[in-house]
Amino acid sequence: MTTVIRLRFLLSLLLTVLFLLVLASPLADGGVQLRVYERKIKVRSNHRTTQNLIVCNITDKPSNKYGLIGTKLPSNVSYKVNVSSAPSSVTNDLPDIVSNSFAAWNAATDGVSFSNAGNTSRNLSRNDGQNIIAWNRLSRSTLGTTYIRYNSATGAVVDVDTILNSRQPWDWVDPDSVNPDKDCATNNAYDAQNILVHELGHWIGLEDLYGTNEEDLTMFGYGSKQELKKDTLESGDSLGAGKIYP
């Protein structure tokens, strides 16, 4: 009998705590519901016989295709970078990598301004308003993941984070020293700017594409070692961003 009474008391206490948490939540005060949208760029193996065809964009397939997530950034977006989490192969160049990656989208995102708010020690995605770029361990089949928290009623983004996979090999080729649409890197690694430009496309509100005719777009959902072509936007990438930010 005593055990039953204790269980009832604990259950009553638990329900009371849950009720108080609901009352204290933004939803109970007319707030908005936030949803988390997660998108990953996948590893695409480099086969020697098709390396130039897939990676170096020799086919030059034009495509106006794009996909929309349904989210939109505010006019001013600040972000923080976890420099200490980056692999040593890109640490020294990380300021240029990040700056170049945001610059790739500037012309296509009218009315949106990106600003670097400094460093962060965070390497996990959380709804804290920091908007981070960091490296951490992810699944072997993933190069990077972007998490978007947004207002489910309006699509307005309130927090967005990109985590790149520290388990993969990384390097960087300065795009001013090559033609990213025609050249390959010589190292056997993933180009940090190439993948980050793609991930920032999710920040913008663009979806991954997987059709064979879209493999030259920045928003093509696979990445390859030595690939550089995502550094520069193609027609579909610009059209999609322009649809969100006319």
Protein backbone atom coordinates (compact mmCIF):
# COMPACT_ATOMS: atom_id res chain seq x y z
CA MET A 1 0.00 0.00 0.00
CA THR A 2 2.83 2.37 0.92
CA THR A 3 4.52 1.65 -2.43
CA VAL A 4 1.36 2.52 -4.35
CA ILE A 5 1.02 5.82 -2.49
CA ARG A 6 4.64 6.70 -3.23
CA LEU A 7 4.22 5.92 -6.91
CA ARG A 8 1.10 8.08 -7.08
CA PHE A 9 2.93 10.91 -5.32
CA LEU A 10 5.88 10.71 -7.73
CA LEU A 11 3.56 10.61 -10.73
CA SER A 12 1.66 13.63 -9.43
CA LEU A 13 4.93 15.49 -8.85
CA LEU A 14 6.16 14.66 -12.35
CA LEU A 15 2.93 15.90 -13.95
CA THR A 16 3.14 19.12 -11.93
CA VAL A 17 6.71 19.76 -13.10
CA LEU A 18 5.77 19.12 -16.73
CA PHE A 19 2.82 21.49 -16.41
CA LEU A 20 5.05 24.22 -15.02
CA LEU A 21 7.55 23.72 -17.84
CA VAL A 22 4.79 24.13 -20.41
CA LEU A 23 3.63 27.33 -18.74
CA ALA A 24 7.18 28.67 -18.82
CA SER A 25 7.77 27.81 -22.47
CA PRO A 26 7.46 30.32 -25.33
CA LEU A 27 4.53 28.34 -26.75
CA ALA A 28 2.48 28.96 -23.61
CA ASP A 29 3.05 32.68 -23.98
CA GLY A 30 2.02 32.95 -27.61
CA GLY A 31 5.50 32.06 -28.86
CA VAL A 32 6.37 30.26 -32.08
CA GLN A 33 7.23 26.65 -32.67
CA LEU A 34 10.73 26.01 -33.97
CA ARG A 35 11.65 23.14 -36.24
CA VAL A 36 15.08 21.72 -36.94
CA TYR A 37 16.01 20.99 -40.56
CA GLU A 38 19.07 18.80 -41.03
CA ARG A 39 20.91 18.36 -44.33
CA LYS A 40 24.05 16.33 -45.07
CA ILE A 41 26.42 16.33 -48.01
CA LYS A 42 27.47 12.79 -48.84
CA VAL A 43 30.77 11.26 -49.84
CA ARG A 44 31.12 10.36 -53.51
CA SER A 45 33.97 7.97 -54.23
CA ASN A 46 36.62 8.98 -56.73
CA HIS A 47 37.01 6.28 -59.36
CA ARG A 48 40.15 6.81 -61.39
CA THR A 49 38.49 6.15 -64.73
CA THR A 50 35.81 8.78 -64.15
CA GLN A 51 37.64 11.21 -61.88
CA ASN A 52 37.95 14.02 -64.42
CA LEU A 53 34.38 13.55 -65.62
CA ILE A 54 32.85 13.78 -62.14
CA VAL A 55 35.20 16.09 -60.30
CA CYS A 56 36.61 18.51 -62.85
CA ASN A 57 33.33 19.41 -64.48
CA ILE A 58 34.60 18.70 -68.00
CA THR A 59 31.07 17.79 -69.07
CA ASP A 60 29.93 21.34 -68.13
CA LYS A 61 26.26 20.38 -67.88
CA PRO A 62 24.16 23.55 -67.63
CA SER A 63 21.18 23.35 -65.28
CA ASN A 64 18.63 25.86 -64.03
CA LYS A 65 17.33 23.37 -61.46
CA TYR A 66 17.05 24.27 -57.79
CA GLY A 67 15.18 23.10 -54.72
CA LEU A 68 13.86 25.25 -51.88
CA ILE A 69 13.81 24.25 -48.22
CA GLY A 70 11.23 26.90 -47.35
CA THR A 71 13.47 28.89 -44.98
CA LYS A 72 14.86 32.42 -45.20
CA LEU A 73 17.67 34.22 -43.42
CA PRO A 74 17.24 37.59 -41.70
CA SER A 75 18.87 40.64 -43.29
CA ASN A 76 21.87 40.55 -40.94
CA VAL A 77 23.54 37.22 -40.18
CA SER A 78 26.51 36.96 -37.84
CA TYR A 79 28.47 33.74 -37.45
CA LYS A 80 31.28 32.30 -35.36
CA VAL A 81 34.04 29.89 -36.34
CA ASN A 82 35.64 27.23 -34.15
CA VAL A 83 39.19 27.58 -35.42
CA SER A 84 40.65 25.12 -32.90
CA SER A 85 38.38 22.34 -34.19
CA ALA A 86 39.65 22.65 -37.77
CA PRO A 87 42.25 20.16 -39.03
CA SER A 88 45.82 21.47 -39.11
CA SER A 89 45.85 21.23 -42.91
CA VAL A 90 43.42 24.17 -43.19
CA THR A 91 43.79 26.09 -39.91
CA ASN A 92 46.07 28.81 -41.25
CA ASP A 93 43.86 29.40 -44.28
CA LEU A 94 40.54 29.17 -42.46
CA PRO A 95 39.81 32.94 -42.45
CA ASP A 96 40.14 33.02 -46.26
CA ILE A 97 38.17 29.79 -46.68
CA VAL A 98 35.22 31.06 -44.65
CA SER A 99 35.30 34.57 -46.14
CA ASN A 100 35.47 33.23 -49.70
CA SER A 101 32.62 30.81 -49.04
CA PHE A 102 30.23 33.51 -47.85
CA ALA A 103 31.38 35.81 -50.67
CA ALA A 104 30.34 33.17 -53.21
CA TRP A 105 26.70 33.74 -52.19
CA ASN A 106 26.79 37.54 -51.73
CA ALA A 107 25.72 38.49 -55.23
CA ALA A 108 22.85 35.98 -55.18
CA THR A 109 21.42 36.96 -51.78
CA ASP A 110 20.29 40.55 -52.16
CA GLY A 111 19.46 42.17 -48.82
CA VAL A 112 21.45 39.72 -46.66
CA SER A 113 24.67 40.77 -44.94
CA PHE A 114 27.09 38.25 -43.38
CA SER A 115 29.51 39.26 -40.62
CA ASN A 116 32.14 37.34 -38.68
CA ALA A 117 31.43 37.60 -34.94
CA GLY A 118 34.70 35.97 -33.93
CA ASN A 119 35.71 32.59 -32.59
CA THR A 120 33.74 30.04 -30.59
CA SER A 121 34.64 26.94 -28.62
CA ARG A 122 31.39 25.23 -29.59
CA ASN A 123 31.52 22.26 -31.95
CA LEU A 124 27.97 20.95 -31.50
CA SER A 125 24.78 22.39 -32.96
CA ARG A 126 22.51 24.08 -30.43
CA ASN A 127 19.76 26.68 -30.51
CA ASP A 128 21.94 29.43 -29.02
CA GLY A 129 21.95 32.06 -31.79
CA GLN A 130 25.69 31.68 -32.44
CA ASN A 131 25.45 30.30 -36.01
CA ILE A 132 28.65 28.30 -35.89
CA ILE A 133 31.02 26.68 -38.36
CA ALA A 134 33.08 23.90 -36.78
CA TRP A 135 34.57 20.45 -37.23
CA ASN A 136 33.51 17.39 -35.25
CA ARG A 137 33.16 13.65 -35.74
CA LEU A 138 30.33 12.64 -38.04
CA SER A 139 29.38 9.45 -39.83
CA ARG A 140 31.96 8.22 -42.38
CA SER A 141 29.46 8.68 -45.20
CA THR A 142 29.04 12.38 -44.40
CA LEU A 143 31.27 15.33 -45.26
CA GLY A 144 29.25 17.99 -43.49
CA THR A 145 25.88 18.60 -41.87
CA THR A 146 23.92 21.84 -41.57
CA TYR A 147 21.23 22.25 -38.92
CA ILE A 148 18.61 24.96 -39.49
CA ARG A 149 16.24 26.05 -36.72
CA TYR A 150 13.40 28.10 -38.07
CA ASN A 151 9.96 29.47 -37.31
CA SER A 152 7.55 26.81 -38.56
CA ALA A 153 4.91 29.43 -39.36
CA THR A 154 7.05 31.86 -41.38
CA GLY A 155 10.20 29.93 -42.35
CA ALA A 156 12.38 32.61 -40.73
CA VAL A 157 15.73 31.18 -39.63
CA VAL A 158 16.63 31.78 -35.97
CA ASP A 159 19.77 29.64 -35.70
CA VAL A 160 21.90 27.73 -38.20
CA ASP A 161 25.06 25.67 -37.68
CA THR A 162 27.39 23.77 -39.98
CA ILE A 163 29.53 20.89 -38.70
CA LEU A 164 32.19 19.47 -41.02
CA ASN A 165 33.45 15.94 -40.51
CA SER A 166 36.78 15.77 -38.69
CA ARG A 167 37.08 12.08 -39.64
CA GLN A 168 37.66 12.99 -43.30
CA PRO A 169 40.89 14.36 -44.86
CA TRP A 170 40.76 18.11 -45.63
CA ASP A 171 42.84 20.61 -47.58
CA TRP A 172 42.38 23.86 -49.49
CA VAL A 173 43.29 25.20 -52.91
CA ASP A 174 43.14 28.95 -53.40
CA PRO A 175 40.55 29.38 -56.18
CA ASP A 176 42.49 32.38 -57.52
CA SER A 177 45.32 30.00 -58.43
CA VAL A 178 43.19 27.63 -60.55
CA ASN A 179 40.00 27.43 -62.57
CA PRO A 180 37.63 25.64 -60.14
CA ASP A 181 35.27 24.66 -62.96
CA LYS A 182 37.96 22.86 -64.95
CA ASP A 183 40.80 22.00 -62.59
CA CYS A 184 41.25 19.40 -59.87
CA ALA A 185 43.29 19.69 -56.72
CA THR A 186 46.38 17.51 -56.63
CA ASN A 187 45.93 16.38 -53.03
CA ASN A 188 43.90 13.35 -52.03
CA ALA A 189 41.53 15.24 -49.73
CA TYR A 190 38.26 17.18 -49.65
CA ASP A 191 38.56 20.89 -50.36
CA ALA A 192 37.21 22.82 -47.36
CA GLN A 193 35.93 25.78 -49.38
CA ASN A 194 34.30 23.52 -51.97
CA ILE A 195 32.22 21.79 -49.29
CA LEU A 196 31.57 24.87 -47.16
CA VAL A 197 30.12 26.82 -50.10
CA HIS A 198 27.66 23.95 -50.56
CA GLU A 199 26.74 23.90 -46.87
CA LEU A 200 26.17 27.66 -46.86
CA GLY A 201 23.68 27.07 -49.66
CA HIS A 202 21.55 25.39 -46.99
CA TRP A 203 21.92 28.48 -44.81
CA ILE A 204 20.53 30.42 -47.78
CA GLY A 205 17.55 28.04 -48.00
CA LEU A 206 18.50 25.73 -50.88
CA GLU A 207 17.92 21.99 -51.00
CA ASP A 208 20.28 19.22 -52.14
CA LEU A 209 19.94 17.95 -55.71
CA TYR A 210 20.89 14.47 -56.91
CA GLY A 211 20.00 14.26 -60.61
CA THR A 212 22.76 13.44 -63.10
CA ASN A 213 22.08 16.70 -64.91
CA GLU A 214 22.68 18.63 -61.68
CA GLU A 215 26.12 17.23 -60.82
CA ASP A 216 27.86 20.47 -61.81
CA LEU A 217 25.75 22.63 -59.47
CA THR A 218 27.07 23.78 -56.13
CA MET A 219 23.97 22.26 -54.51
CA PHE A 220 24.63 18.78 -55.92
CA GLY A 221 24.40 16.61 -52.82
CA TYR A 222 27.63 14.63 -53.27
CA GLY A 223 31.21 15.79 -52.75
CA SER A 224 34.43 14.23 -54.02
CA LYS A 225 38.08 14.35 -53.09
CA GLN A 226 40.00 16.90 -55.20
CA GLU A 227 36.74 18.56 -56.26
CA LEU A 228 36.77 22.37 -56.58
CA LYS A 229 33.77 23.14 -58.77
CA LYS A 230 31.38 23.95 -55.92
CA ASP A 231 33.48 27.07 -55.27
CA THR A 232 31.57 28.85 -58.03
CA LEU A 233 27.79 29.05 -58.35
CA GLU A 234 26.08 27.80 -61.47
CA SER A 235 22.83 29.03 -63.00
CA GLY A 236 20.50 26.89 -60.89
CA ASP A 237 22.24 27.91 -57.67
CA SER A 238 21.89 31.62 -58.43
CA LEU A 239 18.31 31.27 -59.64
CA GLY A 240 17.30 29.43 -56.48
CA ALA A 241 18.90 32.04 -54.20
CA GLY A 242 17.29 34.81 -56.25
CA LYS A 243 13.92 33.18 -55.75
CA ILE A 244 14.31 33.46 -51.98
CA TYR A 245 15.98 36.89 -51.99
CA PRO A 246 14.59 38.74 -55.01
